[in-house]
């Protein structure tokens, strides 16, 4: 599980873990391992989203002052 995976790949893995955790026949030890892996995947997804959001900001200048603005403005 690396940070070099694409967001969609990480989300797919996370969805699979959630599906497995929702099953009734999962033992507690296996469930804990999957839960911890799911948390790591969630954090990686969150980090990737934050990076994407940061890249969609642009530096603008108005009246001699600089500020960040959304790319779509």
N, C-alpha and C. Protein backbone atom coordinates (compact mmCIF):
# COMPACT_ATOMS: atom_id res chain seq x y z
N UNK A 1 0.86 -1.17 0.00
CA UNK A 1 0.00 0.00 0.00
C UNK A 1 0.90 1.23 0.00
N UNK A 2 1.04 1.84 -1.15
CA UNK A 2 1.94 2.97 -1.23
C UNK A 2 1.25 4.24 -1.64
N UNK A 3 1.96 5.32 -1.43
CA UNK A 3 1.44 6.63 -1.77
C UNK A 3 1.50 6.87 -3.27
N UNK A 4 2.13 5.96 -4.03
CA UNK A 4 2.24 6.13 -5.46
C UNK A 4 1.00 5.62 -6.21
N UNK A 5 0.06 5.02 -5.49
CA UNK A 5 -1.17 4.56 -6.13
C UNK A 5 -2.08 5.74 -6.40
N UNK A 6 -2.91 5.57 -7.42
CA UNK A 6 -3.88 6.61 -7.76
C UNK A 6 -5.02 6.61 -6.74
N UNK A 7 -5.67 7.77 -6.64
CA UNK A 7 -6.77 7.94 -5.70
C UNK A 7 -7.84 6.88 -5.90
N UNK A 8 -8.20 6.63 -7.14
CA UNK A 8 -9.28 5.67 -7.43
C UNK A 8 -8.91 4.25 -6.99
N UNK A 9 -7.62 3.91 -7.09
CA UNK A 9 -7.17 2.60 -6.64
C UNK A 9 -7.26 2.48 -5.12
N UNK A 10 -6.86 3.54 -4.43
CA UNK A 10 -6.94 3.55 -2.97
C UNK A 10 -8.39 3.47 -2.50
N UNK A 11 -9.27 4.21 -3.17
CA UNK A 11 -10.70 4.18 -2.80
C UNK A 11 -11.30 2.80 -3.02
N UNK A 12 -10.90 2.15 -4.10
CA UNK A 12 -11.40 0.81 -4.39
C UNK A 12 -10.97 -0.17 -3.30
N UNK A 13 -9.72 -0.09 -2.89
CA UNK A 13 -9.23 -0.94 -1.80
C UNK A 13 -10.00 -0.66 -0.52
N UNK A 14 -10.23 0.62 -0.23
CA UNK A 14 -10.96 1.00 0.97
C UNK A 14 -12.39 0.48 0.94
N UNK A 15 -13.03 0.57 -0.21
CA UNK A 15 -14.40 0.05 -0.34
C UNK A 15 -14.44 -1.46 -0.12
N UNK A 16 -13.43 -2.17 -0.62
CA UNK A 16 -13.37 -3.62 -0.41
C UNK A 16 -13.23 -3.95 1.07
N UNK A 17 -12.40 -3.20 1.77
CA UNK A 17 -12.22 -3.44 3.20
C UNK A 17 -13.51 -3.16 3.96
N UNK A 18 -14.19 -2.08 3.61
CA UNK A 18 -15.46 -1.77 4.27
C UNK A 18 -16.46 -2.90 4.05
N UNK A 19 -16.52 -3.42 2.83
CA UNK A 19 -17.43 -4.54 2.54
C UNK A 19 -17.09 -5.76 3.38
N UNK A 20 -15.80 -6.04 3.51
CA UNK A 20 -15.37 -7.19 4.31
C UNK A 20 -15.69 -6.97 5.79
N UNK A 21 -15.53 -5.76 6.27
CA UNK A 21 -15.83 -5.47 7.67
C UNK A 21 -17.32 -5.56 7.98
N UNK A 22 -18.16 -5.37 6.98
CA UNK A 22 -19.61 -5.45 7.18
C UNK A 22 -20.11 -6.88 7.25
N UNK A 23 -19.28 -7.85 6.89
CA UNK A 23 -19.68 -9.25 6.96
C UNK A 23 -19.74 -9.71 8.41
N UNK A 24 -20.69 -10.59 8.69
CA UNK A 24 -20.87 -11.08 10.05
C UNK A 24 -19.88 -12.16 10.45
N UNK A 25 -19.23 -12.81 9.48
CA UNK A 25 -18.37 -13.95 9.79
C UNK A 25 -16.89 -13.58 9.98
N UNK A 26 -16.58 -12.34 10.15
CA UNK A 26 -15.20 -11.87 10.31
C UNK A 26 -14.81 -11.98 11.78
N UNK A 27 -13.66 -12.66 12.06
CA UNK A 27 -13.24 -12.75 13.45
C UNK A 27 -12.59 -11.44 13.90
N UNK A 28 -12.48 -11.26 15.20
CA UNK A 28 -12.08 -9.98 15.77
C UNK A 28 -10.65 -9.59 15.38
N UNK A 29 -9.73 -10.56 15.36
CA UNK A 29 -8.35 -10.24 15.02
C UNK A 29 -8.22 -9.81 13.57
N UNK A 30 -8.86 -10.55 12.69
CA UNK A 30 -8.83 -10.21 11.27
C UNK A 30 -9.53 -8.87 11.03
N UNK A 31 -10.61 -8.65 11.76
CA UNK A 31 -11.33 -7.38 11.64
C UNK A 31 -10.47 -6.20 12.06
N UNK A 32 -9.70 -6.36 13.11
CA UNK A 32 -8.84 -5.29 13.59
C UNK A 32 -7.74 -4.99 12.57
N UNK A 33 -7.16 -6.01 11.98
CA UNK A 33 -6.13 -5.82 10.95
C UNK A 33 -6.72 -5.07 9.76
N UNK A 34 -7.90 -5.47 9.33
CA UNK A 34 -8.54 -4.81 8.19
C UNK A 34 -8.92 -3.37 8.53
N UNK A 35 -9.38 -3.15 9.76
CA UNK A 35 -9.74 -1.81 10.19
C UNK A 35 -8.52 -0.89 10.16
N UNK A 36 -7.39 -1.36 10.68
CA UNK A 36 -6.16 -0.57 10.67
C UNK A 36 -5.70 -0.27 9.25
N UNK A 37 -5.79 -1.25 8.37
CA UNK A 37 -5.42 -1.04 6.97
C UNK A 37 -6.38 -0.01 6.33
N UNK A 38 -7.66 -0.10 6.68
CA UNK A 38 -8.65 0.85 6.18
C UNK A 38 -8.34 2.27 6.62
N UNK A 39 -7.92 2.43 7.87
CA UNK A 39 -7.55 3.76 8.37
C UNK A 39 -6.37 4.33 7.59
N UNK A 40 -5.37 3.48 7.31
CA UNK A 40 -4.21 3.94 6.55
C UNK A 40 -4.64 4.37 5.14
N UNK A 41 -5.51 3.57 4.53
CA UNK A 41 -6.01 3.91 3.19
C UNK A 41 -6.79 5.22 3.23
N UNK A 42 -7.62 5.39 4.25
CA UNK A 42 -8.40 6.61 4.39
C UNK A 42 -7.49 7.83 4.49
N UNK A 43 -6.43 7.71 5.29
CA UNK A 43 -5.50 8.82 5.45
C UNK A 43 -4.77 9.13 4.14
N UNK A 44 -4.39 8.09 3.40
CA UNK A 44 -3.76 8.31 2.10
C UNK A 44 -4.71 9.02 1.14
N UNK A 45 -5.98 8.59 1.14
CA UNK A 45 -6.98 9.24 0.28
C UNK A 45 -7.15 10.70 0.67
N UNK A 46 -7.21 10.95 1.95
CA UNK A 46 -7.37 12.32 2.45
C UNK A 46 -6.16 13.18 2.04
N UNK A 47 -4.97 12.61 2.14
CA UNK A 47 -3.76 13.33 1.76
C UNK A 47 -3.76 13.66 0.26
N UNK A 48 -4.17 12.68 -0.55
CA UNK A 48 -4.24 12.91 -1.99
C UNK A 48 -5.26 14.00 -2.33
N UNK A 49 -6.41 13.98 -1.66
CA UNK A 49 -7.42 15.01 -1.90
C UNK A 49 -6.91 16.39 -1.50
N UNK A 50 -6.20 16.46 -0.38
CA UNK A 50 -5.63 17.74 0.05
C UNK A 50 -4.62 18.25 -0.97
N UNK A 51 -3.81 17.35 -1.51
CA UNK A 51 -2.83 17.73 -2.54
C UNK A 51 -3.53 18.23 -3.80
N UNK A 52 -4.59 17.55 -4.18
CA UNK A 52 -5.35 17.95 -5.37
C UNK A 52 -5.97 19.32 -5.14
N UNK A 53 -6.53 19.53 -3.96
CA UNK A 53 -7.14 20.82 -3.65
C UNK A 53 -6.10 21.94 -3.69
N UNK A 54 -4.93 21.67 -3.15
CA UNK A 54 -3.87 22.69 -3.15
C UNK A 54 -3.44 23.04 -4.57
N UNK A 55 -3.47 22.08 -5.46
CA UNK A 55 -3.07 22.33 -6.84
C UNK A 55 -4.13 23.10 -7.62
N UNK A 56 -5.34 23.16 -7.09
CA UNK A 56 -6.40 23.88 -7.79
C UNK A 56 -6.50 25.32 -7.32
N UNK A 57 -5.54 25.77 -6.54
CA UNK A 57 -5.49 27.17 -6.09
C UNK A 57 -4.47 27.91 -6.94
N UNK A 58 -4.73 29.17 -7.16
CA UNK A 58 -3.80 30.00 -7.92
C UNK A 58 -3.49 31.26 -7.10
N UNK A 59 -2.30 31.77 -7.32
CA UNK A 59 -1.89 32.99 -6.65
C UNK A 59 -2.33 34.17 -7.49
N UNK A 60 -3.09 35.09 -6.87
CA UNK A 60 -3.57 36.27 -7.58
C UNK A 60 -3.07 37.52 -6.87
N UNK A 61 -2.99 38.57 -7.63
CA UNK A 61 -2.56 39.85 -7.08
C UNK A 61 -3.64 40.88 -7.37
N UNK A 62 -4.01 41.62 -6.33
CA UNK A 62 -5.02 42.66 -6.48
C UNK A 62 -4.62 43.82 -5.57
N UNK A 63 -4.49 44.99 -6.16
CA UNK A 63 -4.12 46.20 -5.40
C UNK A 63 -2.81 46.01 -4.62
N UNK A 64 -1.87 45.30 -5.23
CA UNK A 64 -0.56 45.12 -4.60
C UNK A 64 -0.52 44.04 -3.54
N UNK A 65 -1.64 43.35 -3.29
CA UNK A 65 -1.67 42.28 -2.30
C UNK A 65 -1.89 40.95 -3.00
N UNK A 66 -1.22 39.94 -2.51
CA UNK A 66 -1.33 38.61 -3.09
C UNK A 66 -2.23 37.74 -2.22
N UNK A 67 -3.00 36.85 -2.87
CA UNK A 67 -3.86 35.93 -2.16
C UNK A 67 -4.10 34.69 -3.02
N UNK A 68 -4.47 33.60 -2.35
CA UNK A 68 -4.81 32.37 -3.05
C UNK A 68 -6.28 32.38 -3.40
N UNK A 69 -6.57 31.90 -4.58
CA UNK A 69 -7.95 31.84 -5.03
C UNK A 69 -8.18 30.52 -5.72
N UNK A 70 -9.42 30.08 -5.77
CA UNK A 70 -9.73 28.85 -6.48
C UNK A 70 -9.42 29.00 -7.95
N UNK A 71 -9.03 27.94 -8.59
CA UNK A 71 -8.65 27.94 -9.99
C UNK A 71 -9.80 28.40 -10.89
N UNK A 72 -11.03 28.08 -10.51
CA UNK A 72 -12.17 28.39 -11.38
C UNK A 72 -12.57 29.86 -11.37
N UNK A 73 -12.04 30.65 -10.45
CA UNK A 73 -12.41 32.09 -10.39
C UNK A 73 -11.90 32.84 -11.59
